[in-house]
């Protein structure tokens, strides 16, 4: 969990790279079960972080954050992982 927290801590452009690395490590360690489990953990952590940031942001910042989340979630859709499909639907939902 500490690795997950480190990966999700805001650190410029390193956040996305760290999340990808974490997902790769989990898949290598846990096999097929890793994808669904880690996607759920990442989705929950990302949702909490986004909610925290949006609570302290203005309307323009919130709109930008929502658009960025939708753009980042787009490649996850249609991969057959229900948690990722739900994340994509949530990110694409209008504010």
PDB file of N, CA and C in Angstrom:
ATOM      1  N   UNK A   1       0.815  -1.194   0.000  1.00  0.00           N
ATOM      2  CA  UNK A   1       0.000   0.000   0.000  1.00  0.00           C
ATOM      3  C   UNK A   1       0.859   1.258   0.000  1.00  0.00           C
ATOM      4  N   UNK A   2       2.028   1.176   0.632  1.00  0.00           N
ATOM      5  CA  UNK A   2       2.904   2.352   0.657  1.00  0.00           C
ATOM      6  C   UNK A   2       3.344   2.723  -0.753  1.00  0.00           C
ATOM      7  N   UNK A   3       3.621   1.713  -1.582  1.00  0.00           N
ATOM      8  CA  UNK A   3       3.996   1.967  -2.969  1.00  0.00           C
ATOM      9  C   UNK A   3       2.852   2.640  -3.707  1.00  0.00           C
ATOM     10  N   UNK A   4       1.623   2.209  -3.436  1.00  0.00           N
ATOM     11  CA  UNK A   4       0.454   2.818  -4.064  1.00  0.00           C
ATOM     12  C   UNK A   4       0.316   4.278  -3.641  1.00  0.00           C
ATOM     13  N   UNK A   5       0.479   4.549  -2.359  1.00  0.00           N
ATOM     14  CA  UNK A   5       0.389   5.938  -1.890  1.00  0.00           C
ATOM     15  C   UNK A   5       1.450   6.810  -2.545  1.00  0.00           C
ATOM     16  N   UNK A   6       2.657   6.277  -2.655  1.00  0.00           N
ATOM     17  CA  UNK A   6       3.742   7.021  -3.291  1.00  0.00           C
ATOM     18  C   UNK A   6       3.414   7.290  -4.752  1.00  0.00           C
ATOM     19  N   UNK A   7       2.859   6.291  -5.424  1.00  0.00           N
ATOM     20  CA  UNK A   7       2.531   6.439  -6.841  1.00  0.00           C
ATOM     21  C   UNK A   7       1.447   7.483  -7.058  1.00  0.00           C
ATOM     22  N   UNK A   8       0.530   7.617  -6.120  1.00  0.00           N
ATOM     23  CA  UNK A   8      -0.584   8.542  -6.295  1.00  0.00           C
ATOM     24  C   UNK A   8      -0.323   9.924  -5.715  1.00  0.00           C
ATOM     25  N   UNK A   9       0.762  10.086  -4.987  1.00  0.00           N
ATOM     26  CA  UNK A   9       1.044  11.406  -4.428  1.00  0.00           C
ATOM     27  C   UNK A   9       1.382  12.364  -5.557  1.00  0.00           C
ATOM     28  N   UNK A  10       0.811  13.582  -5.529  1.00  0.00           N
ATOM     29  CA  UNK A  10       1.052  14.520  -6.624  1.00  0.00           C
ATOM     30  C   UNK A  10       2.533  14.873  -6.730  1.00  0.00           C
ATOM     31  N   UNK A  11       3.115  14.571  -7.883  1.00  0.00           N
ATOM     32  CA  UNK A  11       4.545  14.834  -8.089  1.00  0.00           C
ATOM     33  C   UNK A  11       4.776  15.158  -9.557  1.00  0.00           C
ATOM     34  N   UNK A  12       4.009  16.120 -10.075  1.00  0.00           N
ATOM     35  CA  UNK A  12       4.180  16.524 -11.464  1.00  0.00           C
ATOM     36  C   UNK A  12       3.814  15.409 -12.428  1.00  0.00           C
ATOM     37  N   UNK A  13       4.617  15.258 -13.464  1.00  0.00           N
ATOM     38  CA  UNK A  13       4.345  14.269 -14.499  1.00  0.00           C
ATOM     39  C   UNK A  13       4.705  12.855 -14.070  1.00  0.00           C
ATOM     40  N   UNK A  14       5.313  12.690 -12.920  1.00  0.00           N
ATOM     41  CA  UNK A  14       5.729  11.369 -12.464  1.00  0.00           C
ATOM     42  C   UNK A  14       4.557  10.520 -11.984  1.00  0.00           C
ATOM     43  N   UNK A  15       3.423  11.128 -11.680  1.00  0.00           N
ATOM     44  CA  UNK A  15       2.291  10.386 -11.137  1.00  0.00           C
ATOM     45  C   UNK A  15       1.811   9.319 -12.105  1.00  0.00           C
ATOM     46  N   UNK A  16       1.601   9.689 -13.363  1.00  0.00           N
ATOM     47  CA  UNK A  16       1.097   8.725 -14.340  1.00  0.00           C
ATOM     48  C   UNK A  16       2.109   7.613 -14.582  1.00  0.00           C
ATOM     49  N   UNK A  17       3.380   7.961 -14.696  1.00  0.00           N
ATOM     50  CA  UNK A  17       4.417   6.950 -14.918  1.00  0.00           C
ATOM     51  C   UNK A  17       4.502   5.998 -13.733  1.00  0.00           C
ATOM     52  N   UNK A  18       4.394   6.531 -12.530  1.00  0.00           N
ATOM     53  CA  UNK A  18       4.453   5.687 -11.337  1.00  0.00           C
ATOM     54  C   UNK A  18       3.249   4.753 -11.273  1.00  0.00           C
ATOM     55  N   UNK A  19       2.068   5.253 -11.650  1.00  0.00           N
ATOM     56  CA  UNK A  19       0.871   4.411 -11.647  1.00  0.00           C
ATOM     57  C   UNK A  19       0.998   3.279 -12.664  1.00  0.00           C
ATOM     58  N   UNK A  20       1.535   3.586 -13.840  1.00  0.00           N
ATOM     59  CA  UNK A  20       1.735   2.538 -14.855  1.00  0.00           C
ATOM     60  C   UNK A  20       2.733   1.489 -14.365  1.00  0.00           C
ATOM     61  N   UNK A  21       3.803   1.943 -13.732  1.00  0.00           N
ATOM     62  CA  UNK A  21       4.807   1.028 -13.205  1.00  0.00           C
ATOM     63  C   UNK A  21       4.208   0.141 -12.123  1.00  0.00           C
ATOM     64  N   UNK A  22       3.395   0.738 -11.256  1.00  0.00           N
ATOM     65  CA  UNK A  22       2.750  -0.013 -10.191  1.00  0.00           C
ATOM     66  C   UNK A  22       1.825  -1.087 -10.760  1.00  0.00           C
ATOM     67  N   UNK A  23       1.042  -0.728 -11.770  1.00  0.00           N
ATOM     68  CA  UNK A  23       0.144  -1.701 -12.386  1.00  0.00           C
ATOM     69  C   UNK A  23       0.934  -2.837 -13.025  1.00  0.00           C
ATOM     70  N   UNK A  24       2.040  -2.512 -13.667  1.00  0.00           N
ATOM     71  CA  UNK A  24       2.884  -3.544 -14.267  1.00  0.00           C
ATOM     72  C   UNK A  24       3.474  -4.477 -13.233  1.00  0.00           C
ATOM     73  N   UNK A  25       3.928  -3.924 -12.122  1.00  0.00           N
ATOM     74  CA  UNK A  25       4.485  -4.751 -11.049  1.00  0.00           C
ATOM     75  C   UNK A  25       3.419  -5.661 -10.454  1.00  0.00           C
ATOM     76  N   UNK A  26       2.224  -5.125 -10.252  1.00  0.00           N
ATOM     77  CA  UNK A  26       1.147  -5.923  -9.673  1.00  0.00           C
ATOM     78  C   UNK A  26       0.772  -7.070 -10.595  1.00  0.00           C
ATOM     79  N   UNK A  27       0.695  -6.794 -11.887  1.00  0.00           N
ATOM     80  CA  UNK A  27       0.344  -7.840 -12.845  1.00  0.00           C
ATOM     81  C   UNK A  27       1.400  -8.931 -12.851  1.00  0.00           C
ATOM     82  N   UNK A  28       2.666  -8.532 -12.798  1.00  0.00           N
ATOM     83  CA  UNK A  28       3.747  -9.518 -12.789  1.00  0.00           C
ATOM     84  C   UNK A  28       3.722 -10.359 -11.519  1.00  0.00           C
ATOM     85  N   UNK A  29       3.383  -9.743 -10.391  1.00  0.00           N
ATOM     86  CA  UNK A  29       3.385 -10.459  -9.117  1.00  0.00           C
ATOM     87  C   UNK A  29       2.140 -11.308  -8.897  1.00  0.00           C
ATOM     88  N   UNK A  30       0.985 -10.802  -9.293  1.00  0.00           N
ATOM     89  CA  UNK A  30      -0.269 -11.464  -8.968  1.00  0.00           C
ATOM     90  C   UNK A  30      -0.919 -12.179 -10.142  1.00  0.00           C
ATOM     91  N   UNK A  31      -0.415 -12.006 -11.330  1.00  0.00           N
ATOM     92  CA  UNK A  31      -1.008 -12.669 -12.487  1.00  0.00           C
ATOM     93  C   UNK A  31      -2.343 -12.057 -12.864  1.00  0.00           C
ATOM     94  N   UNK A  32      -3.267 -12.886 -13.309  1.00  0.00           N
ATOM     95  CA  UNK A  32      -4.554 -12.409 -13.814  1.00  0.00           C
ATOM     96  C   UNK A  32      -5.384 -11.675 -12.771  1.00  0.00           C
ATOM     97  N   UNK A  33      -5.239 -12.017 -11.506  1.00  0.00           N
ATOM     98  CA  UNK A  33      -6.052 -11.362 -10.482  1.00  0.00           C
ATOM     99  C   UNK A  33      -5.608  -9.929 -10.221  1.00  0.00           C
ATOM    100  N   UNK A  34      -4.407  -9.593 -10.614  1.00  0.00           N
ATOM    101  CA  UNK A  34      -3.873  -8.264 -10.317  1.00  0.00           C
ATOM    102  C   UNK A  34      -4.636  -7.168 -11.038  1.00  0.00           C
ATOM    103  N   UNK A  35      -5.001  -7.405 -12.288  1.00  0.00           N
ATOM    104  CA  UNK A  35      -5.595  -6.342 -13.092  1.00  0.00           C
ATOM    105  C   UNK A  35      -6.879  -5.804 -12.463  1.00  0.00           C
ATOM    106  N   UNK A  36      -7.785  -6.686 -12.112  1.00  0.00           N
ATOM    107  CA  UNK A  36      -9.051  -6.235 -11.554  1.00  0.00           C
ATOM    108  C   UNK A  36      -8.855  -5.625 -10.174  1.00  0.00           C
ATOM    109  N   UNK A  37      -8.071  -6.276  -9.333  1.00  0.00           N
ATOM    110  CA  UNK A  37      -7.853  -5.773  -7.972  1.00  0.00           C
ATOM    111  C   UNK A  37      -7.169  -4.410  -7.990  1.00  0.00           C
ATOM    112  N   UNK A  38      -6.080  -4.295  -8.731  1.00  0.00           N
ATOM    113  CA  UNK A  38      -5.329  -3.041  -8.742  1.00  0.00           C
ATOM    114  C   UNK A  38      -6.127  -1.920  -9.392  1.00  0.00           C
ATOM    115  N   UNK A  39      -6.911  -2.243 -10.415  1.00  0.00           N
ATOM    116  CA  UNK A  39      -7.706  -1.184 -11.040  1.00  0.00           C
ATOM    117  C   UNK A  39      -8.727  -0.634 -10.059  1.00  0.00           C
ATOM    118  N   UNK A  40      -9.286  -1.500  -9.230  1.00  0.00           N
ATOM    119  CA  UNK A  40     -10.251  -1.029  -8.230  1.00  0.00           C
ATOM    120  C   UNK A  40      -9.562  -0.164  -7.177  1.00  0.00           C
ATOM    121  N   UNK A  41      -8.402  -0.620  -6.715  1.00  0.00           N
ATOM    122  CA  UNK A  41      -7.652   0.148  -5.711  1.00  0.00           C
ATOM    123  C   UNK A  41      -7.269   1.511  -6.275  1.00  0.00           C
ATOM    124  N   UNK A  42      -6.763   1.524  -7.506  1.00  0.00           N
ATOM    125  CA  UNK A  42      -6.365   2.788  -8.130  1.00  0.00           C
ATOM    126  C   UNK A  42      -7.569   3.695  -8.364  1.00  0.00           C
ATOM    127  N   UNK A  43      -8.701   3.112  -8.782  1.00  0.00           N
ATOM    128  CA  UNK A  43      -9.897   3.917  -9.029  1.00  0.00           C
ATOM    129  C   UNK A  43     -10.386   4.579  -7.744  1.00  0.00           C
ATOM    130  N   UNK A  44     -10.392   3.832  -6.641  1.00  0.00           N
ATOM    131  CA  UNK A  44     -10.837   4.399  -5.363  1.00  0.00           C
ATOM    132  C   UNK A  44      -9.884   5.501  -4.911  1.00  0.00           C
ATOM    133  N   UNK A  45      -8.585   5.234  -4.984  1.00  0.00           N
ATOM    134  CA  UNK A  45      -7.604   6.237  -4.559  1.00  0.00           C
ATOM    135  C   UNK A  45      -7.672   7.478  -5.443  1.00  0.00           C
ATOM    136  N   UNK A  46      -7.819   7.278  -6.758  1.00  0.00           N
ATOM    137  CA  UNK A  46      -7.912   8.413  -7.676  1.00  0.00           C
ATOM    138  C   UNK A  46      -9.180   9.221  -7.404  1.00  0.00           C
ATOM    139  N   UNK A  47     -10.288   8.536  -7.133  1.00  0.00           N
ATOM    140  CA  UNK A  47     -11.541   9.226  -6.837  1.00  0.00           C
ATOM    141  C   UNK A  47     -11.407  10.069  -5.573  1.00  0.00           C
ATOM    142  N   UNK A  48     -10.791   9.520  -4.543  1.00  0.00           N
ATOM    143  CA  UNK A  48     -10.610  10.275  -3.299  1.00  0.00           C
ATOM    144  C   UNK A  48      -9.716  11.498  -3.513  1.00  0.00           C
ATOM    145  N   UNK A  49      -8.630  11.298  -4.258  1.00  0.00           N
ATOM    146  CA  UNK A  49      -7.722  12.418  -4.511  1.00  0.00           C
ATOM    147  C   UNK A  49      -8.401  13.489  -5.355  1.00  0.00           C
ATOM    148  N   UNK A  50      -9.148  13.073  -6.377  1.00  0.00           N
ATOM    149  CA  UNK A  50      -9.859  14.032  -7.216  1.00  0.00           C
ATOM    150  C   UNK A  50     -10.894  14.795  -6.396  1.00  0.00           C
ATOM    151  N   UNK A  51     -11.632  14.095  -5.546  1.00  0.00           N
ATOM    152  CA  UNK A  51     -12.632  14.758  -4.703  1.00  0.00           C
ATOM    153  C   UNK A  51     -11.968  15.773  -3.778  1.00  0.00           C
ATOM    154  N   UNK A  52     -10.816  15.402  -3.216  1.00  0.00           N
ATOM    155  CA  UNK A  52     -10.092  16.326  -2.333  1.00  0.00           C
ATOM    156  C   UNK A  52      -9.661  17.573  -3.095  1.00  0.00           C
ATOM    157  N   UNK A  53      -9.119  17.366  -4.293  1.00  0.00           N
ATOM    158  CA  UNK A  53      -8.643  18.504  -5.086  1.00  0.00           C
ATOM    159  C   UNK A  53      -9.787  19.379  -5.563  1.00  0.00           C
ATOM    160  N   UNK A  54     -10.892  18.756  -5.994  1.00  0.00           N
ATOM    161  CA  UNK A  54     -12.026  19.533  -6.486  1.00  0.00           C
ATOM    162  C   UNK A  54     -12.671  20.339  -5.362  1.00  0.00           C
ATOM    163  N   UNK A  55     -12.644  19.798  -4.152  1.00  0.00           N
ATOM    164  CA  UNK A  55     -13.224  20.514  -3.013  1.00  0.00           C
ATOM    165  C   UNK A  55     -12.487  21.821  -2.747  1.00  0.00           C
ATOM    166  N   UNK A  56     -11.208  21.854  -3.068  1.00  0.00           N
ATOM    167  CA  UNK A  56     -10.428  23.068  -2.811  1.00  0.00           C
ATOM    168  C   UNK A  56     -10.204  23.903  -4.071  1.00  0.00           C
ATOM    169  N   UNK A  57     -10.783  23.505  -5.183  1.00  0.00           N
ATOM    170  CA  UNK A  57     -10.561  24.201  -6.457  1.00  0.00           C
ATOM    171  C   UNK A  57     -11.750  25.090  -6.805  1.00  0.00           C
ATOM    172  N   UNK A  58     -11.501  26.053  -7.666  1.00  0.00           N
ATOM    173  CA  UNK A  58     -12.561  26.893  -8.193  1.00  0.00           C
ATOM    174  C   UNK A  58     -13.251  26.197  -9.357  1.00  0.00           C
ATOM    175  N   UNK A  59     -14.297  26.821  -9.910  1.00  0.00           N
ATOM    176  CA  UNK A  59     -15.076  26.214 -10.989  1.00  0.00           C
ATOM    177  C   UNK A  59     -14.228  25.947 -12.230  1.00  0.00           C
ATOM    178  N   UNK A  60     -13.375  26.902 -12.616  1.00  0.00           N
ATOM    179  CA  UNK A  60     -12.526  26.707 -13.797  1.00  0.00           C
ATOM    180  C   UNK A  60     -11.537  25.580 -13.597  1.00  0.00           C
ATOM    181  N   UNK A  61     -10.940  25.521 -12.405  1.00  0.00           N
ATOM    182  CA  UNK A  61     -10.005  24.443 -12.100  1.00  0.00           C
ATOM    183  C   UNK A  61     -10.712  23.097 -12.077  1.00  0.00           C
ATOM    184  N   UNK A  62     -11.927  23.070 -11.529  1.00  0.00           N
ATOM    185  CA  UNK A  62     -12.689  21.825 -11.463  1.00  0.00           C
ATOM    186  C   UNK A  62     -13.023  21.324 -12.864  1.00  0.00           C
ATOM    187  N   UNK A  63     -13.408  22.231 -13.755  1.00  0.00           N
ATOM    188  CA  UNK A  63     -13.732  21.848 -15.128  1.00  0.00           C
ATOM    189  C   UNK A  63     -12.500  21.285 -15.825  1.00  0.00           C
ATOM    190  N   UNK A  64     -11.348  21.940 -15.642  1.00  0.00           N
ATOM    191  CA  UNK A  64     -10.107  21.461 -16.246  1.00  0.00           C
ATOM    192  C   UNK A  64      -9.743  20.077 -15.704  1.00  0.00           C
ATOM    193  N   UNK A  65      -9.889  19.891 -14.390  1.00  0.00           N
ATOM    194  CA  UNK A  65      -9.561  18.596 -13.781  1.00  0.00           C
ATOM    195  C   UNK A  65     -10.470  17.497 -14.320  1.00  0.00           C
ATOM    196  N   UNK A  66     -11.750  17.804 -14.507  1.00  0.00           N
ATOM    197  CA  UNK A  66     -12.686  16.814 -15.041  1.00  0.00           C
ATOM    198  C   UNK A  66     -12.335  16.451 -16.482  1.00  0.00           C
ATOM    199  N   UNK A  67     -11.973  17.446 -17.285  1.00  0.00           N
ATOM    200  CA  UNK A  67     -11.585  17.174 -18.670  1.00  0.00           C
ATOM    201  C   UNK A  67     -10.313  16.339 -18.725  1.00  0.00           C
ATOM    202  N   UNK A  68      -9.370  16.630 -17.855  1.00  0.00           N
ATOM    203  CA  UNK A  68      -8.109  15.866 -17.803  1.00  0.00           C
ATOM    204  C   UNK A  68      -8.376  14.426 -17.368  1.00  0.00           C
ATOM    205  N   UNK A  69      -9.236  14.248 -16.376  1.00  0.00           N
ATOM    206  CA  UNK A  69      -9.573  12.897 -15.914  1.00  0.00           C
ATOM    207  C   UNK A  69     -10.227  12.091 -17.029  1.00  0.00           C
ATOM    208  N   UNK A  70     -11.125  12.724 -17.780  1.00  0.00           N
ATOM    209  CA  UNK A  70     -11.783  12.031 -18.888  1.00  0.00           C
ATOM    210  C   UNK A  70     -10.774  11.639 -19.963  1.00  0.00           C
ATOM    211  N   UNK A  71      -9.832  12.524 -20.261  1.00  0.00           N
ATOM    212  CA  UNK A  71      -8.812  12.223 -21.274  1.00  0.00           C
ATOM    213  C   UNK A  71      -7.906  11.084 -20.822  1.00  0.00           C
ATOM    214  N   UNK A  72      -7.528  11.076 -19.548  1.00  0.00           N
ATOM    215  CA  UNK A  72      -6.662  10.013 -19.036  1.00  0.00           C
ATOM    216  C   UNK A  72      -7.387   8.670 -18.972  1.00  0.00           C
ATOM    217  N   UNK A  73      -8.686   8.696 -18.708  1.00  0.00           N
ATOM    218  CA  UNK A  73      -9.451   7.458 -18.583  1.00  0.00           C
ATOM    219  C   UNK A  73      -9.817   6.853 -19.938  1.00  0.00           C
ATOM    220  N   UNK A  74      -9.805   7.633 -20.994  1.00  0.00           N
ATOM    221  CA  UNK A  74     -10.250   7.176 -22.313  1.00  0.00           C
ATOM    222  C   UNK A  74      -9.589   5.874 -22.775  1.00  0.00           C
ATOM    223  N   UNK A  75      -8.259   5.706 -22.669  1.00  0.00           N
ATOM    224  CA  UNK A  75      -7.641   4.462 -23.146  1.00  0.00           C
ATOM    225  C   UNK A  75      -8.039   3.223 -22.340  1.00  0.00           C
ATOM    226  N   UNK A  76      -8.622   3.409 -21.160  1.00  0.00           N
ATOM    227  CA  UNK A  76      -8.995   2.273 -20.326  1.00  0.00           C
ATOM    228  C   UNK A  76     -10.298   1.620 -20.768  1.00  0.00           C
ATOM    229  N   UNK A  77     -11.107   2.346 -21.533  1.00  0.00           N
ATOM    230  CA  UNK A  77     -12.404   1.831 -21.937  1.00  0.00           C
ATOM    231  C   UNK A  77     -12.298   0.694 -22.939  1.00  0.00           C
ATOM    232  N   UNK A  78     -13.227  -0.235 -22.839  1.00  0.00           N
ATOM    233  CA  UNK A  78     -13.311  -1.325 -23.797  1.00  0.00           C
ATOM    234  C   UNK A  78     -12.256  -2.396 -23.653  1.00  0.00           C
ATOM    235  N   UNK A  79     -11.559  -2.441 -22.525  1.00  0.00           N
ATOM    236  CA  UNK A  79     -10.528  -3.462 -22.322  1.00  0.00           C
ATOM    237  C   UNK A  79     -11.074  -4.686 -21.595  1.00  0.00           C
ATOM    238  N   UNK A  80     -12.364  -4.666 -21.276  1.00  0.00           N
ATOM    239  CA  UNK A  80     -12.964  -5.814 -20.608  1.00  0.00           C
ATOM    240  C   UNK A  80     -12.793  -5.821 -19.104  1.00  0.00           C
ATOM    241  N   UNK A  81     -12.398  -4.690 -18.526  1.00  0.00           N
ATOM    242  CA  UNK A  81     -12.241  -4.602 -17.069  1.00  0.00           C
ATOM    243  C   UNK A  81     -13.373  -3.715 -16.553  1.00  0.00           C
ATOM    244  N   UNK A  82     -14.362  -4.302 -15.860  1.00  0.00           N
ATOM    245  CA  UNK A  82     -15.525  -3.522 -15.426  1.00  0.00           C
ATOM    246  C   UNK A  82     -15.173  -2.282 -14.606  1.00  0.00           C
ATOM    247  N   UNK A  83     -14.197  -2.385 -13.733  1.00  0.00           N
ATOM    248  CA  UNK A  83     -13.833  -1.224 -12.908  1.00  0.00           C
ATOM    249  C   UNK A  83     -13.300  -0.089 -13.769  1.00  0.00           C
ATOM    250  N   UNK A  84     -12.554  -0.412 -14.809  1.00  0.00           N
ATOM    251  CA  UNK A  84     -12.026   0.624 -15.698  1.00  0.00           C
ATOM    252  C   UNK A  84     -13.151   1.243 -16.512  1.00  0.00           C
ATOM    253  N   UNK A  85     -14.108   0.423 -16.963  1.00  0.00           N
ATOM    254  CA  UNK A  85     -15.247   0.957 -17.706  1.00  0.00           C
ATOM    255  C   UNK A  85     -16.049   1.914 -16.830  1.00  0.00           C
ATOM    256  N   UNK A  86     -16.216   1.559 -15.555  1.00  0.00           N
ATOM    257  CA  UNK A  86     -16.934   2.439 -14.628  1.00  0.00           C
ATOM    258  C   UNK A  86     -16.165   3.735 -14.396  1.00  0.00           C
ATOM    259  N   UNK A  87     -14.844   3.631 -14.274  1.00  0.00           N
ATOM    260  CA  UNK A  87     -14.011   4.824 -14.113  1.00  0.00           C
ATOM    261  C   UNK A  87     -14.159   5.740 -15.325  1.00  0.00           C
ATOM    262  N   UNK A  88     -14.171   5.169 -16.517  1.00  0.00           N
ATOM    263  CA  UNK A  88     -14.335   5.956 -17.739  1.00  0.00           C
ATOM    264  C   UNK A  88     -15.700   6.636 -17.757  1.00  0.00           C
ATOM    265  N   UNK A  89     -16.752   5.895 -17.404  1.00  0.00           N
ATOM    266  CA  UNK A  89     -18.094   6.503 -17.379  1.00  0.00           C
ATOM    267  C   UNK A  89     -18.153   7.643 -16.364  1.00  0.00           C
ATOM    268  N   UNK A  90     -17.535   7.447 -15.208  1.00  0.00           N
ATOM    269  CA  UNK A  90     -17.547   8.488 -14.175  1.00  0.00           C
ATOM    270  C   UNK A  90     -16.767   9.716 -14.622  1.00  0.00           C
ATOM    271  N   UNK A  91     -15.636   9.500 -15.285  1.00  0.00           N
ATOM    272  CA  UNK A  91     -14.815  10.625 -15.739  1.00  0.00           C
ATOM    273  C   UNK A  91     -15.486  11.384 -16.873  1.00  0.00           C
ATOM    274  N   UNK A  92     -16.238  10.683 -17.707  1.00  0.00           N
ATOM    275  CA  UNK A  92     -16.874  11.315 -18.859  1.00  0.00           C
ATOM    276  C   UNK A  92     -18.187  12.002 -18.491  1.00  0.00           C
ATOM    277  N   UNK A  93     -18.726  11.699 -17.326  1.00  0.00           N
ATOM    278  CA  UNK A  93     -19.987  12.283 -16.888  1.00  0.00           C
ATOM    279  C   UNK A  93     -19.834  13.797 -16.762  1.00  0.00           C
ATOM    280  N   UNK A  94     -20.743  14.580 -17.349  1.00  0.00           N
ATOM    281  CA  UNK A  94     -20.633  16.046 -17.257  1.00  0.00           C
ATOM    282  C   UNK A  94     -20.723  16.514 -15.810  1.00  0.00           C
ATOM    283  N   UNK A  95     -19.987  17.577 -15.528  1.00  0.00           N
ATOM    284  CA  UNK A  95     -19.997  18.144 -14.163  1.00  0.00           C
ATOM    285  C   UNK A  95     -21.228  18.978 -13.952  1.00  0.00           C
TER     286      UNK A  95
END
